[in-house]
Structure formats: C-alpha cells, structure tokens
Amino acid sequence: MNPGVLGLVLLAICVGCLPPIQAGINATVTQYHGHPLWGALTNTLVASLALATAILVLRVAPGDLAGLSRAPAWSWLGGVLGATMVLSAIVIAPRIGAASYVSAMVVGTVGASLVIDHFGWIGFPEHPVTVARILGGALVVAGMMLVQLD
C-alpha cells in the first residue's frame, strides 16, 4: 500500500471513531428535546451551520447551481440517508450500546459496499467481488457477532 493511500486509510479509521461519539451526543441532546426527531434536526442544523461557517472562513466560491440542477434525481437522497443514519443512532445506539450499534452498522456498510463496488453503482468504479473480499466481509460479520456477546 502506498503511503498516500495508507494515510487516507488511517484518516478514515480516525473518522470511524466519530459515530459512537456522535450517537452519544445526539442521544443526550434528544433527552433534553424529548423526541428523537428534534435531536436529529438539531444535529443537522448544527452540521449545516458548521459547514456554512467553513465555507465563509475558507472563502469557498459559490457552487455551480446550474450544474447542480443537472445532477441525477437519486443524488438528492444523500441528505435523507444522512438524516436516517443520525436518527437511527439516536434511537438504536442507547438501547443496544455503542459497540453493538457500530459493529452492526459496519456489517451493513461493508456488505453494501461490496455490492456497490462489484457493480460500480452510484459513481464508484467497478471492483469485482473476490474470494478475499468475501472472506473479509465474513470476518467483519464474525467480529460483529463477537461484539454482540455480552
């Protein structure tokens, strides 16, 4: 693995530390709101404000609205998927625990990723499923099952 790719993998691992922290924070905010939807809305509003602040501080040029209008219809579902992930973490993680929630989420992520890569869906290049990739996915499932043991 070249050093540039290794650096990106390590960064992705660090970012992977954030979901259990975010789930706990959002569940705490939800306790003060009284409903998971308010907690999820608070999360997305704060995220939007953080991104708007970054755009202003970094002086990022306005986006190409004409180009955006040509994006495929399905590309608008990203926000819906993000909101679904935030809401599911608020509702599920406090009930089953951070490790159980995230390990189950990782199984879903790896399984979907293998299919997406294999077919080259949603803009990803094709990376055919191999025996090694299937074995890796099976090990992820085994790891999740071990994490679920209490």
Protein backbone atom coordinates (compact mmCIF):
# COMPACT_ATOMS: atom_id res chain seq x y z
CA MET A 1 0.00 0.00 0.00
CA ASN A 2 1.50 3.33 -0.98
CA PRO A 3 2.00 5.95 1.76
CA GLY A 4 -0.68 8.29 0.38
CA VAL A 5 -3.32 5.57 0.45
CA LEU A 6 -2.15 4.44 3.89
CA GLY A 7 -2.57 7.99 5.18
CA LEU A 8 -6.12 8.12 3.82
CA VAL A 9 -6.93 4.73 5.38
CA LEU A 10 -5.63 5.94 8.74
CA LEU A 11 -7.69 9.12 8.40
CA ALA A 12 -10.78 7.04 7.59
CA ILE A 13 -10.12 4.94 10.70
CA CYS A 14 -9.97 8.12 12.77
CA VAL A 15 -13.23 9.36 11.23
CA GLY A 16 -14.66 5.92 12.02
CA CYS A 17 -14.18 6.76 15.70
CA LEU A 18 -16.80 9.52 15.40
CA PRO A 19 -20.11 7.58 15.00
CA PRO A 20 -20.30 6.25 18.58
CA ILE A 21 -19.36 9.69 19.91
CA GLN A 22 -21.93 11.37 17.69
CA ALA A 23 -24.60 8.83 18.67
CA GLY A 24 -24.00 9.50 22.35
CA ILE A 25 -24.02 13.27 21.90
CA ASN A 26 -27.19 13.18 19.80
CA ALA A 27 -28.95 10.86 22.26
CA THR A 28 -28.05 13.28 25.07
CA VAL A 29 -29.43 16.26 23.12
CA THR A 30 -32.58 14.22 22.42
CA GLN A 31 -33.14 13.72 26.15
CA TYR A 32 -33.40 17.49 26.50
CA HIS A 33 -35.66 17.86 23.45
CA GLY A 34 -37.94 14.97 24.35
CA HIS A 35 -38.16 13.38 20.88
CA PRO A 36 -35.58 11.74 18.56
CA LEU A 37 -36.69 13.80 15.56
CA TRP A 38 -35.84 17.03 17.40
CA GLY A 39 -32.44 15.58 18.31
CA ALA A 40 -31.81 14.64 14.68
CA LEU A 41 -32.92 18.07 13.48
CA THR A 42 -30.59 19.74 15.98
CA ASN A 43 -27.73 17.60 14.65
CA THR A 44 -28.37 18.50 11.02
CA LEU A 45 -28.87 22.20 11.80
CA VAL A 46 -25.57 22.36 13.71
CA ALA A 47 -23.87 20.43 10.88
CA SER A 48 -25.26 22.89 8.32
CA LEU A 49 -24.08 25.87 10.39
CA ALA A 50 -20.62 24.30 10.77
CA LEU A 51 -20.36 23.77 7.00
CA ALA A 52 -21.63 27.30 6.25
CA THR A 53 -19.03 28.68 8.67
CA ALA A 54 -16.27 26.65 6.98
CA ILE A 55 -17.38 27.95 3.57
CA LEU A 56 -17.23 31.55 4.83
CA VAL A 57 -13.93 31.18 6.70
CA LEU A 58 -12.24 29.38 3.80
CA ARG A 59 -13.83 31.76 1.27
CA VAL A 60 -15.06 28.92 -0.92
CA ALA A 61 -16.54 30.21 -4.15
CA PRO A 62 -20.29 29.70 -4.64
CA GLY A 63 -21.23 26.34 -6.09
CA ASP A 64 -22.43 25.86 -9.66
CA LEU A 65 -26.21 25.91 -9.24
CA ALA A 66 -26.75 25.24 -12.96
CA GLY A 67 -24.53 22.17 -12.73
CA LEU A 68 -26.31 21.05 -9.59
CA SER A 69 -29.62 21.14 -11.42
CA ARG A 70 -28.26 18.51 -13.82
CA ALA A 71 -27.41 16.05 -11.02
CA PRO A 72 -29.35 12.78 -11.16
CA ALA A 73 -32.55 12.76 -9.11
CA TRP A 74 -31.25 9.99 -6.83
CA SER A 75 -28.30 12.16 -5.77
CA TRP A 76 -30.66 14.27 -3.65
CA LEU A 77 -31.21 11.28 -1.36
CA GLY A 78 -27.84 11.80 0.36
CA GLY A 79 -29.38 14.16 2.90
CA VAL A 80 -32.25 11.76 3.55
CA LEU A 81 -29.77 8.93 4.13
CA GLY A 82 -27.72 11.11 6.46
CA ALA A 83 -30.81 12.07 8.45
CA THR A 84 -31.81 8.40 8.63
CA MET A 85 -28.38 7.46 9.97
CA VAL A 86 -28.48 10.21 12.60
CA LEU A 87 -32.00 9.27 13.70
CA SER A 88 -31.21 5.54 13.83
CA ALA A 89 -28.17 6.21 16.00
CA ILE A 90 -30.26 8.32 18.38
CA VAL A 91 -32.91 5.60 18.71
CA ILE A 92 -30.88 2.39 18.49
CA ALA A 93 -27.42 3.06 19.98
CA PRO A 94 -28.61 3.93 23.51
CA ARG A 95 -30.67 0.74 23.58
CA ILE A 96 -28.01 -1.72 22.44
CA GLY A 97 -24.78 0.14 23.26
CA ALA A 98 -22.19 1.91 21.15
CA ALA A 99 -20.12 -1.16 20.24
CA SER A 100 -23.13 -3.27 19.28
CA TYR A 101 -24.65 -0.46 17.23
CA VAL A 102 -21.48 0.49 15.39
CA SER A 103 -20.40 -3.11 14.75
CA ALA A 104 -23.81 -3.88 13.24
CA MET A 105 -23.63 -0.68 11.20
CA VAL A 106 -20.19 -1.69 9.94
CA VAL A 107 -21.55 -5.06 8.77
CA GLY A 108 -24.24 -3.25 6.79
CA THR A 109 -21.70 -0.77 5.45
CA VAL A 110 -19.25 -3.44 4.31
CA GLY A 111 -21.99 -5.60 2.77
CA ALA A 112 -23.48 -2.70 0.83
CA SER A 113 -20.01 -1.51 -0.17
CA LEU A 114 -19.10 -4.90 -1.63
CA VAL A 115 -22.24 -4.86 -3.78
CA ILE A 116 -21.78 -1.21 -4.81
CA ASP A 117 -18.13 -1.82 -5.72
CA HIS A 118 -18.91 -5.01 -7.60
CA PHE A 119 -21.45 -3.34 -9.88
CA GLY A 120 -19.84 0.10 -9.96
CA TRP A 121 -23.04 1.78 -8.78
CA ILE A 122 -23.55 5.44 -7.81
CA GLY A 123 -20.35 6.70 -9.37
CA PHE A 124 -17.89 4.18 -7.97
CA PRO A 125 -15.53 2.30 -10.29
CA GLU A 126 -16.12 -1.44 -10.54
CA HIS A 127 -14.14 -3.58 -8.10
CA PRO A 128 -15.38 -7.14 -8.60
CA VAL A 129 -16.14 -9.26 -5.57
CA THR A 130 -13.33 -11.74 -4.97
CA VAL A 131 -12.88 -14.61 -2.57
CA ALA A 132 -10.63 -12.39 -0.45
CA ARG A 133 -13.29 -9.64 -0.27
CA ILE A 134 -15.98 -12.16 0.67
CA LEU A 135 -13.70 -13.59 3.34
CA GLY A 136 -13.05 -10.07 4.64
CA GLY A 137 -16.80 -9.44 4.81
CA ALA A 138 -17.31 -12.73 6.64
CA LEU A 139 -14.65 -11.74 9.17
CA VAL A 140 -16.47 -8.43 9.72
CA VAL A 141 -19.68 -10.39 10.39
CA ALA A 142 -17.80 -12.69 12.78
CA GLY A 143 -16.36 -9.65 14.57
CA MET A 144 -19.81 -8.12 14.93
CA MET A 145 -21.17 -11.37 16.36
CA LEU A 146 -18.34 -11.45 18.91
CA VAL A 147 -19.01 -7.83 19.89
CA GLN A 148 -22.69 -8.71 20.44
CA LEU A 149 -21.77 -11.33 23.06
CA ASP A 150 -22.47 -9.98 26.46
